[in-house]
């Protein structure tokens, strides 16, 4: 990554670099990162072959030390340190790209993907020097031919940022149709820069590549993508006491009688059926698990009204065409998506994602592309595969019988719900347990005095809720609870010190009973009170359950 900017833009770029470092430490600690400055007075690169290029961090795994070194460049003291260490000099983006190419070539490991992020606020870095322009474009073309993806993360500058002057030929084209490639509008805020960095730093990986069979001999190659995954705490790593190196575990199976080591071919699996032990080979067990080859098989189409909320049993996956698998898949997939959306139907399919996986029914729900005002893609086009339940997955519940509320109570609760309604967005809520866990780890790794404070966003805002509701809460309490009832000031039950004392009888008048019956609050009365009311009004009942007493009173007084 490279940059040349001052003050606020410099701080935003360093903050974005730090964000990439910390996110990679958590999500992909094996990824290799490097930080390269160009337009510097001092030079520091392999063999010092390039002037005005300063390799601040070599290509290596991110760690706590690198985060501390990036933090040292922030603020006024950081600016002074950067001026003393690197200074400011001439610009040659071609030399910087060449230096980055050498960093990649010096790595002996095989890299799955390579990406360069250029942070800059200068749309004409060489100020019209055609020779340097041509050298930079040539080196950028060489890098792209070797599989390096070049991204531009440009920031706002006075007079606007014109990408057509130079960077349009430098940046790589979009990797697939879901990406928009070069963003013409520069980043004005730190949040915009962070969003673009996060969108570029992760490479899209498919969960599985399948064939969507639409009929006899008509197949579409598609890929399944996970759109959301639960965030969990990373598991502990066992370390060897003497060297602090990670411990690798190896499992071996021994014979219980002879103690000899068993080979995988000697291990059998068995299951008791009909009081007889059925012994099976591993291949036989795998063959029993196999239902069919992996793929999506179209069964038919259903109206969207047939898809219910209670059909959700697991997170959905996203289906997108793979043109490399079957030529013409993107065109046919787009036509299917368009027609399903026009007719408001979903495609019902049988899905086997992997070999030996059981078949599942999925509903392919169409989703069209959406972009924001800056032409930034919000949602990509494709199908959301909703996994449908089998009959065995849906339970039949016997809900308890409760007294029916009156229409007045229902209307009052509707007012309360309407007052407390807000637009929910999952991206605005962070898991406080995970945030605190990573803050503690960061404080330990960076030798901080104390971890950063976090705001628990899932805690209810009581003051704001009370301000919105106003008198509605007390009005609802008056409608539902009996007169004088206050659940917050209920006296604590006293512990008995002697023998059992006889409880005084609690009597309820007929007017009070009729009021409870009208408001649907008979269920708030205790069983002894209901029994005493039945005796008082000559109601015979053989049952002792609360609901039976309520039914008897309702039949008598209703």
Protein backbone atom coordinates (compact mmCIF):
# COMPACT_ATOMS: atom_id res chain seq x y z
CA UNK A 1 0.00 0.00 0.00
CA UNK A 2 1.26 3.47 -0.86
CA UNK A 3 0.20 7.02 -0.06
CA UNK A 4 1.32 10.64 -0.15
CA UNK A 5 -0.93 13.09 1.66
CA UNK A 6 -1.01 15.43 4.61
CA UNK A 7 -2.97 16.29 7.78
CA UNK A 8 -6.51 14.87 7.74
CA UNK A 9 -6.05 12.73 4.64
CA UNK A 10 -2.86 11.26 6.12
CA UNK A 11 -4.71 10.42 9.36
CA UNK A 12 -7.58 8.79 7.45
CA UNK A 13 -5.19 6.67 5.41
CA UNK A 14 -3.23 5.54 8.48
CA UNK A 15 -6.48 4.75 10.26
CA UNK A 16 -7.56 2.62 7.28
CA UNK A 17 -4.16 0.85 7.24
CA UNK A 18 -4.48 0.14 10.96
CA UNK A 19 -8.01 -1.18 10.40
CA UNK A 20 -6.72 -3.60 7.75
CA UNK A 21 -3.94 -4.79 10.07
CA UNK A 22 -6.26 -5.41 13.04
CA UNK A 23 -8.95 -7.09 10.93
CA UNK A 24 -6.40 -9.40 9.30
CA UNK A 25 -4.96 -10.33 12.70
CA UNK A 26 -8.43 -11.50 13.73
CA UNK A 27 -9.85 -12.95 10.52
CA UNK A 28 -6.85 -14.03 8.41
CA UNK A 29 -3.64 -14.06 10.49
CA UNK A 30 -1.77 -16.03 7.81
CA UNK A 31 -2.21 -13.34 5.15
CA UNK A 32 0.90 -11.32 4.26
CA UNK A 33 0.79 -7.52 4.32
CA UNK A 34 3.28 -4.77 3.42
CA UNK A 35 3.26 -0.99 3.83
CA UNK A 36 5.16 1.08 1.23
CA UNK A 37 5.46 4.87 1.04
CA UNK A 38 6.42 6.65 -2.16
CA UNK A 39 7.35 10.30 -2.83
CA UNK A 40 9.74 10.15 0.14
CA UNK A 41 13.12 11.84 0.47
CA UNK A 42 14.76 8.80 2.05
CA UNK A 43 14.88 5.44 0.29
CA UNK A 44 14.56 2.03 1.92
CA UNK A 45 13.79 -0.99 -0.25
CA UNK A 46 15.43 -4.30 -1.18
CA UNK A 47 18.90 -3.57 -2.58
CA UNK A 48 17.95 0.17 -2.56
CA UNK A 49 17.21 -0.05 -6.27
CA UNK A 50 14.51 2.62 -6.27
CA UNK A 51 14.78 6.20 -5.13
CA UNK A 52 12.05 7.96 -3.17
CA UNK A 53 10.41 4.60 -2.21
CA UNK A 54 10.37 3.62 1.48
CA UNK A 55 9.32 0.09 2.48
CA UNK A 56 8.03 0.69 5.98
CA UNK A 57 6.89 -2.94 6.44
CA UNK A 58 8.09 -5.93 4.43
CA UNK A 59 5.61 -8.51 3.18
CA UNK A 60 4.90 -10.59 6.30
CA UNK A 61 2.13 -11.68 8.65
CA UNK A 62 0.57 -8.80 10.65
CA UNK A 63 1.35 -8.54 14.35
CA UNK A 64 1.07 -6.29 17.38
CA UNK A 65 4.44 -4.66 16.67
CA UNK A 66 3.31 -3.47 13.25
CA UNK A 67 0.14 -1.95 14.68
CA UNK A 68 2.24 -0.06 17.23
CA UNK A 69 4.55 1.20 14.47
CA UNK A 70 1.56 2.47 12.45
CA UNK A 71 0.19 4.18 15.58
CA UNK A 72 3.57 5.90 16.01
CA UNK A 73 3.00 7.72 12.68
CA UNK A 74 -0.35 9.20 13.72
CA UNK A 75 -0.93 12.62 15.26
CA UNK A 76 1.46 15.55 15.44
CA UNK A 77 4.27 13.50 16.91
CA UNK A 78 3.75 10.91 14.18
CA UNK A 79 3.99 13.58 11.50
CA UNK A 80 7.29 14.77 12.97
CA UNK A 81 8.58 11.19 13.11
CA UNK A 82 7.56 10.57 9.48
CA UNK A 83 9.28 13.79 8.39
CA UNK A 84 12.49 12.80 10.18
CA UNK A 85 12.42 9.17 9.02
CA UNK A 86 11.17 9.46 5.44
CA UNK A 87 10.72 13.10 4.47
CA UNK A 88 9.13 14.30 1.22
CA UNK A 89 10.67 13.97 -2.25
CA UNK A 90 9.95 13.36 -5.92
CA UNK A 91 7.18 11.07 -7.15
CA UNK A 92 7.60 7.98 -9.30
CA UNK A 93 4.69 5.59 -9.07
CA UNK A 94 6.35 3.28 -11.60
CA UNK A 95 9.29 2.71 -9.22
CA UNK A 96 6.87 2.08 -6.34
CA UNK A 97 4.98 -0.53 -8.40
CA UNK A 98 8.26 -2.15 -9.40
CA UNK A 99 9.33 -2.29 -5.76
CA UNK A 100 6.05 -3.99 -4.82
CA UNK A 101 6.57 -6.51 -7.62
CA UNK A 102 9.96 -7.37 -6.12
CA UNK A 103 8.34 -7.85 -2.72
CA UNK A 104 6.00 -10.42 -4.24
CA UNK A 105 8.79 -12.20 -6.14
CA UNK A 106 10.97 -12.47 -3.02
CA UNK A 107 8.30 -14.54 -1.26
CA UNK A 108 8.87 -18.26 -1.75
CA UNK A 109 5.32 -19.18 -0.72
CA UNK A 110 2.54 -19.66 -3.24
CA UNK A 111 0.06 -16.81 -2.78
CA UNK A 112 -3.63 -17.45 -3.51
CA UNK A 113 -4.29 -13.84 -4.51
CA UNK A 114 -2.29 -10.60 -4.58
CA UNK A 115 -3.75 -7.13 -4.14
CA UNK A 116 -2.32 -3.58 -4.11
CA UNK A 117 -4.25 -0.70 -2.50
CA UNK A 118 -3.08 2.78 -3.51
CA UNK A 119 -4.00 5.54 -1.03
CA UNK A 120 -3.57 8.98 -2.61
CA UNK A 121 -5.16 12.42 -3.00
CA UNK A 122 -3.22 13.36 -6.17
CA UNK A 123 -4.98 12.62 -9.47
CA UNK A 124 -1.85 13.58 -11.47
CA UNK A 125 1.07 12.25 -9.40
CA UNK A 126 3.76 13.01 -12.02
CA UNK A 127 2.41 16.48 -12.89
CA UNK A 128 2.22 15.81 -16.64
CA UNK A 129 5.55 13.96 -16.99
CA UNK A 130 4.71 11.65 -19.94
CA UNK A 131 7.80 9.44 -19.43
CA UNK A 132 6.93 8.62 -15.83
CA UNK A 133 3.28 8.17 -16.81
CA UNK A 134 4.24 5.62 -19.44
CA UNK A 135 6.59 3.76 -17.10
CA UNK A 136 3.89 3.50 -14.41
CA UNK A 137 1.26 2.26 -16.89
CA UNK A 138 3.68 -0.33 -18.29
CA UNK A 139 4.58 -1.67 -14.84
CA UNK A 140 0.92 -1.72 -13.78
CA UNK A 141 0.11 -3.76 -16.90
CA UNK A 142 2.91 -6.21 -16.06
CA UNK A 143 1.60 -6.62 -12.52
CA UNK A 144 -1.95 -7.25 -13.71
CA UNK A 145 -0.72 -9.92 -16.11
CA UNK A 146 0.89 -11.78 -13.17
CA UNK A 147 -2.42 -11.83 -11.27
CA UNK A 148 -1.97 -8.74 -9.08
CA UNK A 149 -5.17 -6.74 -8.51
CA UNK A 150 -4.58 -2.98 -8.23
CA UNK A 151 -7.20 -0.87 -6.41
CA UNK A 152 -7.37 2.90 -6.01
CA UNK A 153 -8.60 4.34 -2.72
CA UNK A 154 -8.53 8.04 -3.54
CA UNK A 155 -9.53 10.81 -1.20
CA UNK A 156 -11.19 14.17 -1.75
CA UNK A 157 -8.97 17.09 -2.71
CA UNK A 158 -9.70 20.74 -3.58
CA UNK A 159 -11.04 20.97 -7.11
CA UNK A 160 -12.08 17.30 -7.23
CA UNK A 161 -10.26 14.09 -8.15
CA UNK A 162 -10.16 13.33 -11.90
CA UNK A 163 -9.41 9.62 -12.40
CA UNK A 164 -9.25 10.06 -16.17
CA UNK A 165 -5.97 11.97 -15.93
CA UNK A 166 -3.91 8.94 -14.94
CA UNK A 167 -5.39 6.25 -12.68
CA UNK A 168 -8.06 4.91 -15.06
CA UNK A 169 -5.38 2.89 -16.88
CA UNK A 170 -3.66 1.80 -13.65
CA UNK A 171 -6.56 0.23 -11.74
CA UNK A 172 -7.54 -3.37 -12.46
CA UNK A 173 -10.90 -4.09 -14.12
CA UNK A 174 -13.64 -5.64 -11.94
CA UNK A 175 -13.03 -9.30 -11.09
CA UNK A 176 -16.63 -10.25 -11.87
CA UNK A 177 -19.92 -8.64 -12.80
CA UNK A 178 -20.85 -8.10 -9.15
CA UNK A 179 -18.00 -5.57 -8.73
CA UNK A 180 -18.08 -2.05 -10.11
CA UNK A 181 -14.30 -1.68 -10.41
CA UNK A 182 -12.99 1.89 -10.21
CA UNK A 183 -15.14 4.28 -8.15
CA UNK A 184 -15.17 7.71 -9.80
CA UNK A 185 -16.21 9.58 -6.66
CA UNK A 186 -13.44 9.97 -4.03
CA UNK A 187 -13.87 9.19 -0.34
CA UNK A 188 -14.97 12.25 1.64
CA UNK A 189 -15.25 10.65 5.08
CA UNK A 190 -13.30 8.06 7.04
CA UNK A 191 -16.37 5.77 7.06
CA UNK A 192 -16.45 5.74 3.24
CA UNK A 193 -12.77 4.85 3.11
CA UNK A 194 -13.24 2.03 5.64
CA UNK A 195 -16.18 0.66 3.69
CA UNK A 196 -14.22 0.52 0.43
CA UNK A 197 -11.19 -1.03 2.16
CA UNK A 198 -13.31 -3.76 3.75
CA UNK A 199 -14.99 -4.45 0.41
CA UNK A 200 -11.62 -4.90 -1.32
CA UNK A 201 -9.50 -6.69 1.29
CA UNK A 202 -11.48 -9.95 1.27
CA UNK A 203 -11.59 -12.19 -1.78
CA UNK A 204 -14.93 -13.80 -2.55
CA UNK A 205 -14.80 -17.58 -2.09
CA UNK A 206 -17.50 -20.03 -3.05
CA UNK A 207 -18.86 -22.57 -0.59
CA UNK A 208 -19.55 -24.94 -3.49
CA UNK A 209 -19.77 -24.95 -7.29
CA UNK A 210 -22.82 -26.80 -8.58
CA UNK A 211 -24.90 -27.39 -11.69
CA UNK A 212 -28.44 -26.01 -11.67
CA UNK A 213 -30.40 -28.49 -13.77
CA UNK A 214 -33.38 -26.77 -15.42
CA UNK A 215 -34.33 -29.75 -17.54
CA UNK A 216 -32.99 -32.60 -19.62
CA UNK A 217 -29.54 -31.50 -20.80
CA UNK A 218 -30.05 -27.86 -19.73
CA UNK A 219 -27.56 -26.95 -16.97
CA UNK A 220 -26.38 -23.66 -15.48
CA UNK A 221 -23.12 -23.48 -13.54
CA UNK A 222 -23.62 -21.60 -10.27
CA UNK A 223 -21.66 -20.91 -7.11
CA UNK A 224 -22.97 -20.82 -3.54
CA UNK A 225 -21.79 -17.96 -1.31
CA UNK A 226 -22.32 -17.43 2.40
CA UNK A 227 -23.71 -13.93 2.93
CA UNK A 228 -23.57 -13.97 6.73
CA UNK A 229 -21.69 -16.11 9.21
CA UNK A 230 -21.95 -16.07 13.02
CA UNK A 231 -18.99 -14.39 14.70
CA UNK A 232 -17.46 -16.54 17.43
CA UNK A 233 -14.54 -16.28 19.77
CA UNK A 234 -11.46 -18.00 18.38
CA UNK A 235 -10.58 -21.25 20.09
CA UNK A 236 -7.53 -21.45 22.38
CA UNK A 237 -4.25 -22.62 20.88
CA UNK A 238 -2.25 -25.19 22.84
CA UNK A 239 1.42 -24.26 23.18
CA UNK A 240 4.44 -26.35 24.13
CA UNK A 241 5.69 -25.26 27.55
CA UNK A 242 9.39 -25.08 26.70
CA UNK A 243 9.39 -23.53 23.21
CA UNK A 244 5.97 -21.76 23.15
CA UNK A 245 5.34 -23.35 19.75
CA UNK A 246 1.83 -24.55 18.78
CA UNK A 247 1.23 -28.21 19.61
CA UNK A 248 0.00 -30.47 16.82
CA UNK A 249 -2.23 -33.32 17.88
CA UNK A 250 -2.22 -36.72 16.19
CA UNK A 251 -4.79 -39.45 16.81
CA UNK A 252 -3.92 -43.14 16.75
CA UNK A 253 -6.19 -46.12 17.36
CA UNK A 254 -4.96 -49.19 19.27
CA UNK A 255 -6.45 -52.62 19.83
CA UNK A 256 -7.99 -52.84 23.28
CA UNK A 257 -6.72 -56.37 23.96
CA UNK A 258 -3.33 -56.64 22.21
CA UNK A 259 -2.40 -52.93 22.25
CA UNK A 260 -1.21 -53.09 18.63
CA UNK A 261 -1.59 -50.07 16.35
CA UNK A 262 -4.58 -50.34 14.01
CA UNK A 263 -4.39 -49.19 10.41
CA UNK A 264 -7.34 -47.30 8.87
CA UNK A 265 -8.16 -50.34 6.72
CA UNK A 266 -8.48 -52.49 9.86
CA UNK A 267 -11.07 -50.25 11.53
CA UNK A 268 -14.71 -51.30 10.97
CA UNK A 269 -17.99 -49.67 11.89
CA UNK A 270 -20.96 -51.54 13.30
CA UNK A 271 -24.57 -50.94 14.26
CA UNK A 272 -26.96 -53.18 16.19
CA UNK A 273 -30.17 -53.99 14.32
CA UNK A 274 -32.59 -56.70 15.37
CA UNK A 275 -30.25 -57.79 18.21
CA UNK A 276 -27.57 -58.47 15.64
CA UNK A 277 -24.38 -56.52 15.10
CA UNK A 278 -24.06 -55.38 11.50
CA UNK A 279 -20.39 -54.79 10.55
CA UNK A 280 -19.70 -52.41 7.64
CA UNK A 281 -16.63 -51.21 5.81
CA UNK A 282 -15.90 -47.48 5.54
CA UNK A 283 -16.73 -47.53 1.83
CA UNK A 284 -20.08 -49.14 2.57
CA UNK A 285 -20.88 -46.44 5.14
CA UNK A 286 -20.01 -43.72 2.60
CA UNK A 287 -22.15 -45.42 -0.05
CA UNK A 288 -25.11 -45.51 2.34
CA UNK A 289 -24.80 -41.78 2.94
CA UNK A 290 -24.76 -40.92 -0.75
CA UNK A 291 -28.18 -40.03 -2.15
CA UNK A 292 -27.21 -38.47 -5.49
CA UNK A 293 -24.49 -36.40 -7.10
CA UNK A 294 -24.11 -32.80 -5.87
CA UNK A 295 -26.22 -30.24 -7.69
CA UNK A 296 -29.43 -28.21 -7.82
CA UNK A 297 -32.39 -29.87 -9.52
CA UNK A 298 -35.36 -27.67 -10.48
CA UNK A 299 -38.70 -29.10 -9.31
CA UNK A 300 -41.04 -26.22 -10.14
CA UNK A 301 -42.13 -22.68 -9.31
CA UNK A 302 -44.34 -21.41 -6.50
CA UNK A 303 -45.86 -17.98 -5.73
CA UNK A 304 -43.99 -15.92 -3.17
CA UNK A 305 -47.05 -16.06 -0.89
CA UNK A 306 -46.36 -19.76 -0.30
CA UNK A 307 -43.05 -18.94 1.43
CA UNK A 308 -43.67 -18.31 5.14
CA UNK A 309 -41.48 -16.85 7.86
CA UNK A 310 -41.55 -20.06 9.92
CA UNK A 311 -39.93 -21.94 7.01
CA UNK A 312 -36.56 -20.41 7.99
CA UNK A 313 -34.47 -23.15 9.63
CA UNK A 314 -30.87 -22.04 8.84
CA UNK A 315 -29.04 -19.10 7.23
CA UNK A 316 -29.64 -18.71 3.51
CA UNK A 317 -26.90 -18.81 0.88
CA UNK A 318 -26.49 -16.68 -2.23
CA UNK A 319 -26.55 -18.25 -5.72
CA UNK A 320 -24.56 -16.57 -8.52
CA UNK A 321 -23.68 -17.85 -12.02
CA UNK A 322 -20.22 -19.24 -12.88
CA UNK A 323 -19.52 -18.48 -16.52
CA UNK A 324 -16.28 -20.51 -16.46
CA UNK A 325 -18.18 -23.72 -15.60
CA UNK A 326 -20.73 -23.69 -18.43
CA UNK A 327 -20.59 -21.14 -21.23
CA UNK A 328 -23.77 -19.07 -21.40
CA UNK A 329 -24.65 -19.60 -17.72
CA UNK A 330 -24.70 -15.86 -16.95
CA UNK A 331 -27.16 -15.09 -19.77
CA UNK A 332 -29.57 -17.90 -18.91
CA UNK A 333 -29.28 -17.17 -15.19
CA UNK A 334 -30.08 -13.50 -15.79
CA UNK A 335 -33.16 -14.40 -17.86
CA UNK A 336 -34.40 -16.78 -15.15
CA UNK A 337 -33.84 -14.15 -12.47
CA UNK A 338 -35.71 -11.49 -14.45
CA UNK A 339 -38.74 -13.72 -15.16
CA UNK A 340 -39.00 -14.96 -11.56
CA UNK A 341 -38.98 -11.38 -10.33
CA UNK A 342 -41.58 -10.22 -12.90
CA UNK A 343 -43.97 -13.05 -12.03
CA UNK A 344 -43.24 -12.88 -8.26
CA UNK A 345 -42.42 -16.58 -7.96
CA UNK A 346 -39.57 -18.56 -6.45
CA UNK A 347 -37.92 -21.66 -7.88
CA UNK A 348 -38.30 -24.82 -5.78
CA UNK A 349 -35.19 -27.01 -6.08
CA UNK A 350 -33.61 -30.07 -4.55
CA UNK A 351 -30.12 -29.20 -3.31
CA UNK A 352 -27.17 -31.46 -2.53
CA UNK A 353 -24.28 -29.12 -1.79
CA UNK A 354 -21.56 -31.74 -1.26
CA UNK A 355 -20.97 -35.42 -1.79
CA UNK A 356 -22.58 -37.61 0.89
CA UNK A 357 -24.70 -34.67 2.11
CA UNK A 358 -28.42 -35.38 2.54
CA UNK A 359 -30.75 -33.64 0.06
CA UNK A 360 -32.53 -30.47 1.05
CA UNK A 361 -35.39 -28.53 -0.50
CA UNK A 362 -34.49 -24.88 -1.20
CA UNK A 363 -36.49 -21.91 -2.43
CA UNK A 364 -34.55 -19.70 -4.86
CA UNK A 365 -35.87 -16.20 -4.14
CA UNK A 366 -34.94 -13.61 -6.83
CA UNK A 367 -32.95 -10.52 -5.82
CA UNK A 368 -32.24 -7.67 -8.25
CA UNK A 369 -29.21 -5.40 -8.13
CA UNK A 370 -29.42 -2.20 -6.09
CA UNK A 371 -26.94 0.70 -6.12
CA UNK A 372 -26.75 3.85 -4.02
CA UNK A 373 -26.42 7.47 -5.18
CA UNK A 374 -22.67 7.06 -5.67
CA UNK A 375 -23.22 4.04 -7.97
CA UNK A 376 -21.92 1.78 -5.19
CA UNK A 377 -23.51 -1.65 -5.20
CA UNK A 378 -25.71 -2.30 -2.16
CA UNK A 379 -27.11 -5.71 -3.13
CA UNK A 380 -25.87 -7.92 -5.98
CA UNK A 381 -28.20 -9.66 -8.46
CA UNK A 382 -28.86 -13.35 -7.87
CA UNK A 383 -30.99 -15.83 -5.95
CA UNK A 384 -31.20 -16.25 -2.19
CA UNK A 385 -31.46 -19.99 -1.48
CA UNK A 386 -33.82 -20.42 1.50
CA UNK A 387 -33.55 -23.90 3.04
CA UNK A 388 -37.03 -25.33 3.56
CA UNK A 389 -37.95 -27.65 6.44
CA UNK A 390 -39.18 -31.22 6.15
CA UNK A 391 -42.37 -32.25 7.93
CA UNK A 392 -40.27 -33.70 10.76
CA UNK A 393 -38.57 -30.33 11.33
CA UNK A 394 -41.81 -28.53 12.27
CA UNK A 395 -43.11 -29.17 15.77
CA UNK A 396 -46.78 -29.12 16.73
CA UNK A 397 -47.13 -27.11 19.92
CA UNK A 398 -50.03 -27.15 22.34
CA UNK A 399 -50.11 -23.55 23.54
CA UNK A 400 -51.50 -22.92 27.01
CA UNK A 401 -55.02 -21.55 27.22
CA UNK A 402 -55.01 -17.97 28.39
CA UNK A 403 -57.89 -15.54 28.86
CA UNK A 404 -58.64 -13.64 25.69
CA UNK A 405 -57.83 -9.89 25.87
CA UNK A 406 -60.50 -7.33 25.26
CA UNK A 407 -60.43 -5.10 22.18
CA UNK A 408 -59.59 -2.09 24.37
CA UNK A 409 -56.49 -3.84 25.69
CA UNK A 410 -55.44 -4.86 22.18
CA UNK A 411 -55.81 -1.30 20.85
CA UNK A 412 -53.79 0.09 23.75
CA UNK A 413 -50.96 -2.40 23.13
CA UNK A 414 -51.00 -1.49 19.42
CA UNK A 415 -50.37 2.13 20.41
CA UNK A 416 -47.41 1.06 22.56
CA UNK A 417 -45.93 -1.09 19.78
CA UNK A 418 -46.35 1.74 17.28
CA UNK A 419 -44.53 4.16 19.59
CA UNK A 420 -41.59 1.76 20.11
CA UNK A 421 -41.20 0.77 16.46
CA UNK A 422 -37.89 1.63 14.76
CA UNK A 423 -36.03 0.59 11.62
CA UNK A 424 -33.80 -2.37 12.49
CA UNK A 425 -30.46 -2.75 10.72
CA UNK A 426 -28.21 -5.59 11.78
CA UNK A 427 -25.08 -3.65 10.85
CA UNK A 428 -25.71 -1.09 13.60
CA UNK A 429 -25.46 -3.62 16.44
CA UNK A 430 -22.20 -5.26 17.49
CA UNK A 431 -21.79 -8.21 19.81
CA UNK A 432 -20.58 -6.62 23.08
CA UNK A 433 -19.00 -9.86 24.32
CA UNK A 434 -16.87 -10.23 21.19
CA UNK A 435 -15.97 -6.54 21.13
CA UNK A 436 -14.82 -6.63 24.76
CA UNK A 437 -12.88 -9.86 24.13
CA UNK A 438 -10.92 -8.37 21.22
CA UNK A 439 -10.39 -5.08 23.07
CA UNK A 440 -8.82 -7.02 25.93
CA UNK A 441 -6.58 -8.98 23.56
CA UNK A 442 -5.57 -5.78 21.78
CA UNK A 443 -4.70 -4.10 25.08
CA UNK A 444 -2.52 -7.06 26.11
CA UNK A 445 -0.78 -7.29 22.72
CA UNK A 446 -0.11 -3.55 22.38
CA UNK A 447 0.88 -3.05 26.06
CA UNK A 448 -1.95 -0.62 26.65
CA UNK A 449 -2.76 0.51 30.19
CA UNK A 450 -6.43 -0.43 29.84
CA UNK A 451 -8.67 -1.67 27.02
CA UNK A 452 -10.80 0.78 25.10
CA UNK A 453 -14.29 1.32 26.41
CA UNK A 454 -17.08 -0.16 24.33
CA UNK A 455 -20.71 0.85 24.12
CA UNK A 456 -23.21 -1.93 24.62
CA UNK A 457 -25.58 -1.17 21.74
CA UNK A 458 -28.05 -3.93 22.62
CA UNK A 459 -29.01 -2.41 25.98
CA UNK A 460 -32.44 -0.72 25.85
CA UNK A 461 -32.49 3.07 26.01
CA UNK A 462 -34.81 3.40 28.98
CA UNK A 463 -35.01 7.20 29.07
CA UNK A 464 -35.86 7.41 25.37
CA UNK A 465 -38.48 4.65 25.73
CA UNK A 466 -40.13 6.44 28.68
CA UNK A 467 -40.18 9.71 26.74
CA UNK A 468 -41.83 8.08 23.72
CA UNK A 469 -44.48 6.16 25.66
CA UNK A 470 -45.47 8.86 28.12
CA UNK A 471 -48.72 7.91 29.94
CA UNK A 472 -49.42 4.85 27.72
CA UNK A 473 -47.73 2.45 30.16
CA UNK A 474 -49.88 3.47 33.12
CA UNK A 475 -53.02 3.36 30.97
CA UNK A 476 -52.18 -0.20 29.89
CA UNK A 477 -51.50 -1.24 33.50
CA UNK A 478 -54.88 0.16 34.58
CA UNK A 479 -56.61 -1.84 31.82
CA UNK A 480 -54.89 -5.18 32.47
CA UNK A 481 -53.98 -5.34 36.17
CA UNK A 482 -56.42 -5.00 39.07
CA UNK A 483 -56.71 -1.73 40.97
CA UNK A 484 -53.77 -0.94 43.22
CA UNK A 485 -51.52 -3.61 41.64
CA UNK A 486 -47.85 -2.61 41.44
CA UNK A 487 -45.47 -5.41 40.42
CA UNK A 488 -42.36 -3.38 41.30
CA UNK A 489 -43.36 -2.86 44.95
CA UNK A 490 -44.71 -6.30 45.77
CA UNK A 491 -43.71 -7.24 49.34
CA UNK A 492 -41.27 -10.10 49.61
CA UNK A 493 -42.80 -13.29 51.06
CA UNK A 494 -41.95 -13.75 54.73
CA UNK A 495 -40.25 -16.97 55.76
CA UNK A 496 -42.34 -18.96 58.23
CA UNK A 497 -40.64 -19.65 61.56
CA UNK A 498 -43.29 -21.79 63.20
CA UNK A 499 -46.02 -24.11 62.08
CA UNK A 500 -48.29 -23.53 59.14
CA UNK A 501 -50.62 -20.58 59.63
CA UNK A 502 -54.10 -20.52 58.19
CA UNK A 503 -54.38 -18.02 55.36
CA UNK A 504 -57.20 -15.48 55.63
CA UNK A 505 -59.96 -15.82 53.10
CA UNK A 506 -59.92 -13.33 50.27
CA UNK A 507 -63.37 -12.35 49.06
CA UNK A 508 -64.20 -10.68 45.76
CA UNK A 509 -67.47 -8.90 45.11
CA UNK A 510 -69.67 -9.72 42.15
CA UNK A 511 -69.04 -6.28 40.59
CA UNK A 512 -65.28 -6.83 40.76
CA UNK A 513 -65.65 -10.29 39.20
CA UNK A 514 -67.75 -8.90 36.34
CA UNK A 515 -65.16 -6.14 35.79
CA UNK A 516 -62.38 -8.75 35.61
CA UNK A 517 -64.49 -10.80 33.23
CA UNK A 518 -65.13 -7.81 30.96
CA UNK A 519 -61.45 -6.81 30.88
CA UNK A 520 -60.25 -10.42 30.47
CA UNK A 521 -58.16 -10.31 33.68
CA UNK A 522 -59.63 -13.27 35.56
CA UNK A 523 -56.32 -15.01 35.01
CA UNK A 524 -54.63 -12.45 37.29
CA UNK A 525 -56.52 -13.81 40.31
CA UNK A 526 -55.02 -16.63 42.33
CA UNK A 527 -56.53 -20.11 42.63
CA UNK A 528 -57.67 -19.63 46.29
CA UNK A 529 -59.47 -16.40 45.32
CA UNK A 530 -61.20 -18.15 42.41
CA UNK A 531 -62.24 -21.09 44.63
CA UNK A 532 -63.66 -18.72 47.22
CA UNK A 533 -65.59 -16.84 44.51
CA UNK A 534 -67.08 -20.10 43.24
CA UNK A 535 -68.24 -21.02 46.76
CA UNK A 536 -69.57 -17.49 47.41
CA UNK A 537 -71.78 -17.48 44.32
CA UNK A 538 -72.86 -21.13 44.56
CA UNK A 539 -70.91 -22.33 41.56
CA UNK A 540 -70.23 -26.07 41.71
CA UNK A 541 -67.00 -27.26 40.17
CA UNK A 542 -65.11 -30.50 40.64
CA UNK A 543 -61.89 -29.23 39.06
CA UNK A 544 -59.06 -27.63 40.97
CA UNK A 545 -57.09 -26.23 38.02
CA UNK A 546 -57.11 -22.49 37.47
CA UNK A 547 -58.50 -22.66 33.95
CA UNK A 548 -61.40 -24.88 35.03
CA UNK A 549 -62.33 -22.37 37.75
CA UNK A 550 -62.16 -19.49 35.25
CA UNK A 551 -64.37 -21.40 32.78
CA UNK A 552 -66.94 -22.10 35.50
CA UNK A 553 -67.09 -18.44 36.58
CA UNK A 554 -67.29 -17.29 32.97
CA UNK A 555 -70.21 -19.65 32.26
CA UNK A 556 -72.05 -18.51 35.39
CA UNK A 557 -71.53 -14.77 35.13
CA UNK A 558 -71.30 -14.44 31.36
